[in-house]
N, C-alpha and C. Protein backbone atom coordinates (compact mmCIF):
# COMPACT_ATOMS: atom_id res chain seq x y z
N UNK A 1 68.30 86.34 181.13
CA UNK A 1 66.77 85.90 181.55
C UNK A 1 66.81 84.26 181.47
N UNK A 2 66.01 83.53 182.00
CA UNK A 2 66.08 82.23 181.71
C UNK A 2 65.20 81.92 181.28
N UNK A 3 65.49 80.65 180.44
CA UNK A 3 64.69 80.29 179.79
C UNK A 3 63.77 78.83 180.16
N UNK A 4 62.58 78.69 179.75
CA UNK A 4 61.90 77.23 180.44
C UNK A 4 61.27 76.39 179.17
N UNK A 5 61.42 75.03 179.09
CA UNK A 5 61.16 74.36 178.33
C UNK A 5 59.46 74.69 178.16
N UNK A 6 59.00 73.90 176.94
CA UNK A 6 57.34 74.16 176.62
C UNK A 6 56.47 73.41 177.75
N UNK A 7 57.10 72.20 178.57
CA UNK A 7 56.32 71.41 179.64
C UNK A 7 56.09 72.08 180.73
N UNK A 8 57.04 73.22 181.09
CA UNK A 8 57.11 73.53 182.51
C UNK A 8 56.24 74.75 182.31
N UNK A 9 55.52 74.81 183.31
CA UNK A 9 54.35 76.13 183.22
C UNK A 9 55.26 77.41 184.25
N UNK A 10 55.08 78.65 183.36
CA UNK A 10 55.87 79.90 184.14
C UNK A 10 54.72 80.69 184.77
N UNK A 11 55.53 81.21 186.08
CA UNK A 11 54.59 82.06 186.82
C UNK A 11 55.33 83.30 186.63
N UNK A 12 54.55 84.18 186.73
CA UNK A 12 54.98 85.75 187.20
C UNK A 12 54.84 86.19 188.67
N UNK A 13 55.79 86.13 188.96
CA UNK A 13 55.59 86.58 190.69
C UNK A 13 55.90 88.14 190.39
N UNK A 14 54.77 88.81 191.18
CA UNK A 14 55.03 90.25 191.17
C UNK A 14 54.92 90.32 192.67
N UNK A 15 55.84 92.14 192.81
CA UNK A 15 55.84 92.07 194.47
C UNK A 15 54.42 91.97 195.31
N UNK A 16 54.91 91.79 196.29
CA UNK A 16 53.34 91.89 196.93
C UNK A 16 51.95 90.54 196.75
N UNK A 17 52.39 89.98 195.85
CA UNK A 17 51.30 89.32 195.39
C UNK A 17 51.10 88.15 196.20
N UNK A 18 52.04 87.65 197.29
CA UNK A 18 51.25 87.00 198.27
C UNK A 18 50.42 87.63 199.43
N UNK A 19 51.02 88.81 199.88
CA UNK A 19 50.54 89.57 200.69
C UNK A 19 49.08 89.69 200.25
N UNK A 20 48.94 90.30 198.98
CA UNK A 20 47.59 90.43 198.33
C UNK A 20 46.62 89.38 198.40
N UNK A 21 47.08 88.17 197.99
CA UNK A 21 46.14 87.54 198.36
C UNK A 21 45.67 86.87 199.48
N UNK A 22 46.84 86.75 200.59
CA UNK A 22 46.22 86.65 202.11
C UNK A 22 45.34 87.66 202.10
N UNK A 23 45.50 88.93 201.71
CA UNK A 23 44.63 90.13 202.31
C UNK A 23 43.47 89.84 201.99
N UNK A 24 43.15 89.26 200.64
CA UNK A 24 42.04 88.90 199.84
C UNK A 24 41.42 87.93 201.07
N UNK A 25 41.98 86.99 200.95
CA UNK A 25 41.57 85.71 201.94
C UNK A 25 41.11 86.21 203.13
N UNK A 26 41.72 87.29 203.73
CA UNK A 26 40.98 87.09 205.40
C UNK A 26 40.06 88.44 205.40
N UNK A 27 39.94 89.23 203.83
CA UNK A 27 38.90 89.87 203.80
C UNK A 27 37.63 89.00 203.36
N UNK A 28 37.89 88.01 202.62
CA UNK A 28 36.73 87.39 202.31
C UNK A 28 36.22 86.15 203.64
N UNK A 29 37.10 85.83 204.69
CA UNK A 29 36.55 85.31 205.76
C UNK A 29 35.80 86.23 206.52
N UNK A 30 36.38 87.66 206.65
CA UNK A 30 35.37 88.47 207.14
C UNK A 30 34.35 88.83 207.10
N UNK A 31 34.18 88.50 205.77
CA UNK A 31 32.84 89.27 204.99
C UNK A 31 31.79 88.24 205.36
N UNK A 32 31.66 87.17 205.75
CA UNK A 32 30.49 86.15 206.48
C UNK A 32 30.09 86.80 207.85
N UNK A 33 29.38 87.10 208.32
CA UNK A 33 29.16 87.46 209.57
C UNK A 33 29.16 86.26 210.37
N UNK A 34 28.62 85.13 210.25
CA UNK A 34 28.54 84.12 211.14
C UNK A 34 29.86 83.65 211.52
N UNK A 35 31.01 83.96 210.52
CA UNK A 35 32.31 83.46 210.73
C UNK A 35 32.81 84.75 211.49
N UNK A 36 32.51 85.88 211.59
CA UNK A 36 32.56 87.26 212.52
C UNK A 36 32.30 86.36 213.90
N UNK A 37 31.27 86.31 213.92
CA UNK A 37 30.48 86.29 215.26
C UNK A 37 31.27 84.53 215.91
N UNK A 38 31.83 83.91 215.17
CA UNK A 38 32.56 82.70 215.91
C UNK A 38 33.66 83.35 216.18
N UNK A 39 34.49 84.42 215.71
CA UNK A 39 35.90 84.46 215.83
C UNK A 39 35.39 85.55 217.40
N UNK A 40 34.70 86.18 217.06
CA UNK A 40 34.14 87.29 218.34
C UNK A 40 33.90 86.18 219.46
N UNK A 41 33.38 85.31 219.32
CA UNK A 41 32.77 84.48 220.63
C UNK A 41 34.04 83.85 221.23
N UNK A 42 34.91 83.46 220.07
CA UNK A 42 36.46 82.67 220.69
C UNK A 42 37.04 83.73 221.22
N UNK A 43 37.41 84.85 220.94
CA UNK A 43 38.26 86.01 221.32
C UNK A 43 37.65 86.26 222.71
N UNK A 44 36.29 86.20 222.92
CA UNK A 44 35.62 86.40 224.28
C UNK A 44 36.28 85.73 225.40
N UNK A 45 36.11 84.33 224.63
CA UNK A 45 36.30 83.19 225.94
C UNK A 45 37.56 83.08 226.28
N UNK A 46 38.45 83.31 225.36
CA UNK A 46 39.93 83.34 225.37
C UNK A 46 40.38 81.95 225.67
N UNK A 47 39.36 81.09 225.55
CA UNK A 47 39.93 79.59 226.11
C UNK A 47 39.29 78.45 224.97
N UNK A 48 39.66 77.08 224.59
CA UNK A 48 39.08 76.56 223.87
C UNK A 48 37.37 76.43 223.96
N UNK A 49 36.58 76.43 223.16
CA UNK A 49 34.94 76.40 223.08
C UNK A 49 34.55 75.23 222.44
N UNK A 50 33.26 74.82 223.06
CA UNK A 50 32.98 73.62 222.28
C UNK A 50 32.15 74.40 221.19
N UNK A 51 31.57 73.50 220.24
CA UNK A 51 31.05 73.37 219.08
C UNK A 51 29.62 74.25 219.86
N UNK A 52 29.15 73.66 220.35
CA UNK A 52 27.55 73.54 221.15
C UNK A 52 27.23 74.96 221.49
N UNK A 53 28.65 75.32 222.09
CA UNK A 53 28.61 76.76 222.96
C UNK A 53 28.66 77.78 221.75
N UNK A 54 29.42 77.48 221.31
CA UNK A 54 29.50 78.24 219.87
C UNK A 54 28.02 78.63 219.10
N UNK A 55 27.52 77.25 218.80
CA UNK A 55 26.20 77.47 217.98
C UNK A 55 25.36 78.03 218.86
N UNK A 56 24.97 77.99 220.10
CA UNK A 56 24.04 78.70 220.89
C UNK A 56 24.69 80.18 220.89
N UNK A 57 25.44 80.84 220.83
CA UNK A 57 25.77 82.21 221.47
C UNK A 57 25.57 82.71 219.66
N UNK A 58 26.33 82.10 218.79
CA UNK A 58 26.18 82.62 217.32
C UNK A 58 24.32 82.78 216.79
N UNK A 59 23.92 81.53 217.08
CA UNK A 59 22.26 81.86 217.18
C UNK A 59 21.79 82.66 217.49
N UNK A 60 22.08 83.08 218.69
CA UNK A 60 21.38 84.13 219.61
C UNK A 60 21.81 85.51 219.20
N UNK A 61 23.08 85.53 218.69
CA UNK A 61 23.18 87.11 218.02
C UNK A 61 22.52 87.05 216.93
N UNK A 62 22.44 86.05 215.94
CA UNK A 62 21.77 86.33 214.66
C UNK A 62 20.28 86.67 215.03
N UNK A 63 19.76 85.85 215.90
CA UNK A 63 18.12 86.32 215.85
C UNK A 63 17.82 87.23 217.12
N UNK A 64 18.83 87.86 217.47
CA UNK A 64 18.63 88.69 218.47
C UNK A 64 17.96 88.10 219.73
N UNK A 65 18.59 87.05 220.07
CA UNK A 65 17.66 86.42 221.29
C UNK A 65 18.46 86.35 222.48
N UNK A 66 18.17 85.73 223.44
CA UNK A 66 18.80 85.32 224.72
C UNK A 66 19.12 84.14 224.15
N UNK A 67 20.34 83.37 224.79
CA UNK A 67 21.05 82.29 224.63
C UNK A 67 19.98 81.10 225.29
N UNK A 68 19.16 81.30 226.18
CA UNK A 68 18.20 80.53 226.69
C UNK A 68 16.79 80.45 225.88
N UNK A 69 16.62 81.34 225.13
CA UNK A 69 15.44 81.52 224.34
C UNK A 69 15.36 80.89 223.08
N UNK A 70 17.24 80.28 222.64
CA UNK A 70 16.98 79.51 221.45
C UNK A 70 16.73 78.14 221.30
N UNK A 71 15.51 77.56 220.05
CA UNK A 71 15.10 76.53 220.26
C UNK A 71 16.39 75.64 219.66
N UNK A 72 15.92 74.06 219.94
CA UNK A 72 16.82 73.17 219.12
C UNK A 72 16.92 73.50 217.86
N UNK A 73 16.13 73.66 217.08
CA UNK A 73 16.05 73.76 215.59
C UNK A 73 16.69 74.75 215.14
N UNK A 74 16.85 75.78 215.99
CA UNK A 74 17.37 77.05 215.61
C UNK A 74 19.30 76.84 215.52
N UNK A 75 19.15 76.49 217.13
CA UNK A 75 20.63 76.02 217.16
C UNK A 75 21.18 74.90 216.56
N UNK A 76 20.59 73.97 216.12
CA UNK A 76 21.13 73.01 215.28
C UNK A 76 21.51 73.14 213.70
N UNK A 77 21.02 74.39 213.27
CA UNK A 77 20.93 74.91 211.91
C UNK A 77 22.27 75.39 211.94
N UNK A 78 22.31 76.27 213.17
CA UNK A 78 23.56 77.05 213.46
C UNK A 78 24.72 76.10 213.32
N UNK A 79 24.65 75.13 214.06
CA UNK A 79 25.39 74.21 214.50
C UNK A 79 26.31 73.43 213.31
N UNK A 80 25.33 72.94 212.38
CA UNK A 80 25.63 72.43 211.09
C UNK A 80 26.16 73.14 210.30
N UNK A 81 25.75 74.32 210.15
CA UNK A 81 26.63 75.01 209.37
C UNK A 81 27.77 75.75 209.54
N UNK A 82 28.12 75.87 211.00
CA UNK A 82 29.43 76.21 211.42
C UNK A 82 30.38 74.79 211.25
N UNK A 83 30.10 73.56 211.68
CA UNK A 83 30.54 72.65 211.66
C UNK A 83 31.25 72.04 209.70
N UNK A 84 29.92 72.06 209.20
CA UNK A 84 30.25 71.72 207.87
C UNK A 84 31.09 72.78 206.78
N UNK A 85 30.54 74.17 207.47
CA UNK A 85 31.29 75.06 206.14
C UNK A 85 32.07 76.18 206.98
N UNK A 86 31.86 76.80 207.92
CA UNK A 86 32.66 78.00 208.64
C UNK A 86 33.55 77.92 209.38
N UNK A 87 33.67 76.79 210.18
CA UNK A 87 34.79 76.36 211.05
C UNK A 87 35.99 75.90 210.28
N UNK A 88 35.63 74.89 209.19
CA UNK A 88 36.51 74.28 207.93
C UNK A 88 37.44 75.25 207.40
N UNK A 89 36.28 76.30 207.23
CA UNK A 89 36.67 77.24 206.27
C UNK A 89 37.97 78.18 206.98
N UNK A 90 37.84 78.63 208.31
CA UNK A 90 38.50 79.18 209.42
C UNK A 90 39.81 78.26 209.66
N UNK A 91 39.41 77.14 209.41
CA UNK A 91 40.94 76.36 209.82
C UNK A 91 41.80 76.12 208.72
N UNK A 92 41.42 76.15 207.17
CA UNK A 92 41.77 76.25 206.38
C UNK A 92 42.84 77.36 206.34
N UNK A 93 42.22 78.40 206.49
CA UNK A 93 42.78 79.86 206.37
C UNK A 93 44.12 79.95 207.92
N UNK A 94 44.05 78.82 208.72
CA UNK A 94 44.84 78.89 210.11
C UNK A 94 44.39 79.92 211.01
N UNK A 95 43.13 79.85 211.02
CA UNK A 95 42.61 81.04 212.21
C UNK A 95 41.93 80.41 213.56
N UNK A 96 42.04 79.16 213.03
CA UNK A 96 41.50 78.32 214.18
C UNK A 96 41.83 76.90 213.89
N UNK A 97 42.06 76.06 215.47
CA UNK A 97 42.17 74.96 215.32
C UNK A 97 40.66 74.23 215.82
N UNK A 98 40.30 72.87 214.92
CA UNK A 98 39.02 72.50 215.21
C UNK A 98 39.38 71.04 215.10
N UNK A 99 38.73 70.37 216.33
CA UNK A 99 38.91 68.99 216.09
C UNK A 99 37.43 68.45 216.27
N UNK A 100 36.33 69.10 215.56
CA UNK A 100 34.92 68.60 215.66
C UNK A 100 34.28 68.53 216.99
N UNK A 101 34.78 68.94 217.74
CA UNK A 101 33.93 69.23 219.30
C UNK A 101 34.64 70.61 219.71
N UNK A 102 36.10 71.02 219.70
CA UNK A 102 36.48 72.30 220.55
C UNK A 102 37.00 73.04 218.98
N UNK A 103 36.89 74.37 219.82
CA UNK A 103 37.39 75.49 218.50
C UNK A 103 38.43 76.29 219.31
N UNK A 104 39.79 76.38 218.83
CA UNK A 104 40.47 77.33 219.68
C UNK A 104 41.14 78.70 218.53
N UNK A 105 41.35 79.59 218.93
CA UNK A 105 41.86 80.66 217.82
C UNK A 105 43.86 80.20 217.81
N UNK A 106 44.21 80.64 216.94
CA UNK A 106 45.37 80.53 216.34
C UNK A 106 46.25 82.11 216.52
N UNK A 107 47.44 81.90 216.50
CA UNK A 107 48.13 83.53 216.82
C UNK A 107 47.49 84.28 215.52
N UNK A 108 47.28 83.57 214.54
CA UNK A 108 46.79 84.35 213.18
C UNK A 108 45.52 85.13 213.27
N UNK A 109 44.46 84.59 214.17
CA UNK A 109 43.46 85.42 214.88
C UNK A 109 43.75 86.56 214.97
N UNK A 110 44.83 86.62 215.67
CA UNK A 110 44.68 87.82 216.62
C UNK A 110 45.32 88.91 215.92
N UNK A 111 45.71 88.68 214.99
CA UNK A 111 46.26 90.22 213.74
C UNK A 111 44.73 90.31 212.72
N UNK A 112 43.84 89.71 213.00
CA UNK A 112 42.58 90.05 212.19
C UNK A 112 41.88 91.63 212.73
N UNK A 113 42.15 92.00 213.73
CA UNK A 113 42.09 93.48 213.82
C UNK A 113 42.02 94.87 213.42
N UNK A 114 43.51 94.18 212.72
CA UNK A 114 44.15 95.30 211.57
C UNK A 114 42.97 95.28 210.41
N UNK A 115 42.11 94.50 210.23
CA UNK A 115 41.22 94.23 208.57
C UNK A 115 40.03 95.07 209.14
N UNK A 116 39.59 95.01 210.45
CA UNK A 116 38.33 95.69 210.65
C UNK A 116 38.45 96.76 211.22
N UNK A 117 37.24 97.71 210.50
CA UNK A 117 36.90 99.19 210.95
C UNK A 117 35.45 99.07 211.09
N UNK A 118 34.88 98.46 212.16
CA UNK A 118 33.89 98.78 212.59
C UNK A 118 33.16 99.79 212.94
N UNK A 119 32.16 100.41 212.27
CA UNK A 119 31.57 101.45 212.03
C UNK A 119 30.14 101.33 212.73
N UNK A 120 29.96 102.00 213.56
CA UNK A 120 28.57 101.65 214.30
C UNK A 120 27.40 102.46 213.22
N UNK A 121 26.25 102.09 212.96
CA UNK A 121 25.22 102.45 212.24
C UNK A 121 25.01 104.06 212.34
N UNK A 122 25.15 104.48 213.17
CA UNK A 122 25.00 105.65 214.05
C UNK A 122 26.02 106.48 213.40
N UNK A 123 27.04 106.09 213.09
CA UNK A 123 28.51 107.17 212.75
C UNK A 123 29.12 107.10 211.45
N UNK A 124 29.67 107.87 211.37
CA UNK A 124 30.51 108.02 210.27
C UNK A 124 31.96 107.40 210.20
N UNK A 125 32.46 106.75 209.30
CA UNK A 125 33.88 106.61 209.39
C UNK A 125 34.88 107.62 209.49
N UNK A 126 35.87 106.79 210.26
CA UNK A 126 36.78 108.02 211.03
C UNK A 126 37.26 108.57 210.17
N UNK A 127 37.87 108.19 208.60
CA UNK A 127 38.56 108.92 207.76
C UNK A 127 38.10 110.04 207.31
N UNK A 128 36.42 109.76 207.08
CA UNK A 128 35.78 111.05 206.36
C UNK A 128 35.84 111.76 207.95
N UNK A 129 35.53 111.72 208.88
CA UNK A 129 35.59 112.91 210.14
C UNK A 129 36.75 113.18 210.05
N UNK A 130 38.06 112.74 210.05
CA UNK A 130 39.30 113.46 210.12
C UNK A 130 39.56 114.26 208.68
N UNK A 131 38.86 113.72 207.56
CA UNK A 131 38.95 114.47 206.36
C UNK A 131 38.15 116.09 206.93
N UNK A 132 36.81 115.77 207.15
CA UNK A 132 36.06 116.90 207.62
C UNK A 132 37.03 117.99 208.77
N UNK A 133 37.57 117.30 209.70
CA UNK A 133 38.00 118.29 210.64
C UNK A 133 39.72 118.74 210.11
N UNK A 134 39.99 118.32 208.94
CA UNK A 134 41.20 119.19 208.39
C UNK A 134 40.38 120.11 207.25
N UNK A 135 39.31 119.90 207.15
CA UNK A 135 38.87 121.00 206.21
C UNK A 135 38.24 121.98 206.96
N UNK A 136 38.18 122.05 208.29
CA UNK A 136 38.03 123.11 209.31
C UNK A 136 39.12 123.36 209.68
N UNK A 137 39.71 122.83 209.75
CA UNK A 137 41.34 123.60 210.57
C UNK A 137 41.95 124.17 208.90
N UNK A 138 41.80 123.97 208.22
CA UNK A 138 42.28 124.84 206.54
C UNK A 138 41.48 126.05 206.71
N UNK A 139 40.44 125.70 206.75
CA UNK A 139 39.63 127.09 206.73
C UNK A 139 39.57 128.12 208.02
N UNK A 140 40.22 127.50 209.20
CA UNK A 140 40.67 128.25 210.29
C UNK A 140 41.85 129.23 209.85
N UNK A 141 42.65 128.28 209.45
CA UNK A 141 44.34 128.51 208.73
C UNK A 141 44.08 129.55 207.88
N UNK A 142 43.29 129.42 206.69
CA UNK A 142 43.33 130.23 205.74
C UNK A 142 42.83 131.58 206.06
N UNK A 143 41.69 131.49 207.15
CA UNK A 143 41.08 132.59 207.51
C UNK A 143 42.00 133.64 208.40
N UNK A 144 42.92 133.02 208.88
CA UNK A 144 44.10 133.35 209.85
C UNK A 144 45.09 134.44 208.93
N UNK A 145 45.45 133.54 207.75
CA UNK A 145 46.60 133.86 206.91
C UNK A 145 45.99 134.99 206.30
N UNK A 146 44.58 135.30 205.88
CA UNK A 146 43.96 136.31 204.96
C UNK A 146 43.23 137.39 205.91
N UNK A 147 43.57 137.06 207.35
CA UNK A 147 42.99 138.06 208.35
C UNK A 147 41.46 138.50 207.97
N UNK A 148 40.93 137.37 207.78
CA UNK A 148 39.31 137.16 208.14
C UNK A 148 39.06 136.96 209.37
N UNK A 149 39.80 136.07 210.20
CA UNK A 149 39.06 135.56 211.29
C UNK A 149 39.82 136.34 212.45
N UNK A 150 38.83 136.77 213.59
CA UNK A 150 39.30 137.69 214.40
C UNK A 150 40.52 137.40 215.25
N UNK A 151 41.32 138.17 215.56
CA UNK A 151 42.65 137.76 216.20
C UNK A 151 42.36 138.56 217.52
N UNK A 152 41.42 139.52 217.94
CA UNK A 152 41.30 140.31 219.19
C UNK A 152 41.25 139.82 220.31
N UNK A 153 39.96 139.02 220.16
CA UNK A 153 39.23 137.98 221.17
C UNK A 153 40.19 136.92 221.34
N UNK A 154 40.40 136.19 220.27
CA UNK A 154 41.22 134.77 220.21
C UNK A 154 42.78 135.12 219.33
N UNK A 155 43.97 134.81 220.17
CA UNK A 155 45.04 135.01 219.46
C UNK A 155 45.25 134.06 218.32
N UNK A 156 46.18 134.24 217.45
CA UNK A 156 46.54 133.18 216.33
C UNK A 156 46.86 132.18 217.29
N UNK A 157 47.77 131.91 217.94
CA UNK A 157 48.12 130.76 218.58
C UNK A 157 47.03 130.01 219.66
N UNK A 158 45.65 130.81 219.93
CA UNK A 158 44.63 130.41 220.51
C UNK A 158 43.84 129.34 219.32
N UNK A 159 43.86 129.94 217.91
CA UNK A 159 43.04 129.70 217.12
C UNK A 159 43.83 128.28 216.61
N UNK A 160 45.36 128.22 216.70
CA UNK A 160 46.06 126.91 216.18
C UNK A 160 45.92 125.83 217.64
N UNK A 161 45.88 126.34 218.80
CA UNK A 161 45.80 125.49 219.96
C UNK A 161 44.43 124.84 219.77
N UNK A 162 43.53 125.55 219.20
CA UNK A 162 41.99 125.02 219.26
C UNK A 162 41.85 123.89 218.27
N UNK A 163 42.44 124.44 217.40
CA UNK A 163 42.91 123.01 215.97
C UNK A 163 43.22 121.95 216.32
N UNK A 164 44.67 122.30 216.99
CA UNK A 164 45.11 120.82 217.36
C UNK A 164 44.37 120.19 218.58
N UNK A 165 43.92 120.59 219.46
CA UNK A 165 43.14 120.53 220.42
C UNK A 165 41.77 119.18 219.81
N UNK A 166 41.35 119.95 218.83
CA UNK A 166 40.34 118.91 218.20
C UNK A 166 40.64 117.58 217.57
N UNK A 167 41.78 118.03 216.68
CA UNK A 167 42.48 116.48 216.40
C UNK A 167 43.06 115.58 217.66
N UNK A 168 43.44 116.37 218.83
CA UNK A 168 43.83 115.46 219.86
C UNK A 168 43.04 114.69 220.52
N UNK A 169 41.66 115.50 221.00
CA UNK A 169 40.30 115.10 221.29
C UNK A 169 39.90 113.77 220.28
N UNK A 170 39.84 114.31 218.91
CA UNK A 170 39.22 113.08 218.42
C UNK A 170 39.88 111.84 218.34
N UNK A 171 41.34 112.03 218.46
CA UNK A 171 42.29 110.57 218.27
C UNK A 171 42.11 109.99 219.15
N UNK A 172 42.11 110.68 220.66
CA UNK A 172 41.72 109.94 221.75
C UNK A 172 40.30 108.99 221.82
N UNK A 173 39.30 109.80 221.30
CA UNK A 173 37.72 109.18 220.99
C UNK A 173 37.98 107.81 220.18
N UNK A 174 38.82 108.23 219.26
CA UNK A 174 38.95 107.13 218.06
C UNK A 174 39.61 105.82 218.67
N UNK A 175 40.54 105.72 219.59
CA UNK A 175 41.24 105.21 219.86
C UNK A 175 40.76 103.97 221.14
N UNK A 176 39.91 104.85 221.82
CA UNK A 176 39.08 104.09 222.73
C UNK A 176 37.90 103.53 222.30
N UNK A 177 37.22 104.06 221.09
CA UNK A 177 36.13 103.18 220.35
C UNK A 177 36.75 102.50 219.48
N UNK A 178 37.97 102.36 219.09
CA UNK A 178 38.29 100.95 218.49
C UNK A 178 38.76 99.99 219.24
N UNK A 179 39.05 100.20 220.28
CA UNK A 179 39.31 99.18 221.47
C UNK A 179 38.50 98.64 221.53
N UNK A 180 37.08 99.10 222.01
CA UNK A 180 36.12 98.92 222.42
C UNK A 180 35.11 98.11 221.64
N UNK A 181 35.42 98.50 220.25
CA UNK A 181 34.55 97.56 218.93
C UNK A 181 35.17 96.65 218.06
N UNK A 182 36.63 96.12 219.04
CA UNK A 182 37.55 95.18 218.63
C UNK A 182 36.59 93.64 218.99
N UNK A 183 36.61 92.89 217.83
CA UNK A 183 36.00 91.19 218.00
C UNK A 183 36.56 90.93 219.43
N UNK A 184 35.52 90.20 220.04
CA UNK A 184 36.26 89.57 221.38
C UNK A 184 36.06 90.71 222.63
N UNK A 185 35.94 91.98 222.19
CA UNK A 185 35.98 92.82 223.23
C UNK A 185 34.52 93.23 224.35
N UNK A 186 33.24 92.97 223.36
CA UNK A 186 32.03 93.31 223.77
C UNK A 186 31.36 92.32 224.17
N UNK A 187 30.07 92.10 225.15
CA UNK A 187 29.36 91.17 225.47
C UNK A 187 28.86 90.64 223.82
N UNK A 188 27.84 91.63 223.16
CA UNK A 188 27.53 91.18 221.88
C UNK A 188 28.87 91.43 220.77
N UNK A 189 28.80 91.04 219.66
CA UNK A 189 29.58 90.92 218.29
C UNK A 189 29.26 92.71 217.91
N UNK A 190 30.47 93.51 217.46
CA UNK A 190 30.02 94.79 216.80
C UNK A 190 29.74 94.40 215.11
């Protein structure tokens, strides 16, 4: 065991602590709607954007208006907030490069989709859905084992195929929805 003098601070490194702090930082970044909107717009444009364009679109999304309907005061409020707070925060986290007028996403920003599971308001989380689907499959399989489920009309292999098909179709729908709901994929942010 190494010893340290009293004047040297000691730190305890725990496995994965850097990953956990980075993950916490990313969740903190994404917890703010205005930053998510800024990332969405930059991903959608796929080229460097000006601060003015970004402010207009973020203000329009926040106020649920068309860009042309945004007043100069609404635009300026968002512009100032982005310039003074949100863009410097994203730049310190290496998500964007910001030079006071243009914003460009970094390669780090491409990895943000891993941290987002956007669930529409009229939907249930996919984890809950799959848990329910597994419960239905378990009931069917238990019924087959206990010979409660009728096998005359539908054979055992048919029931197993039905359960498999439910999972397969659900997985395809899940993948399609996740791709559609990514930041930068739709006109309006999810």
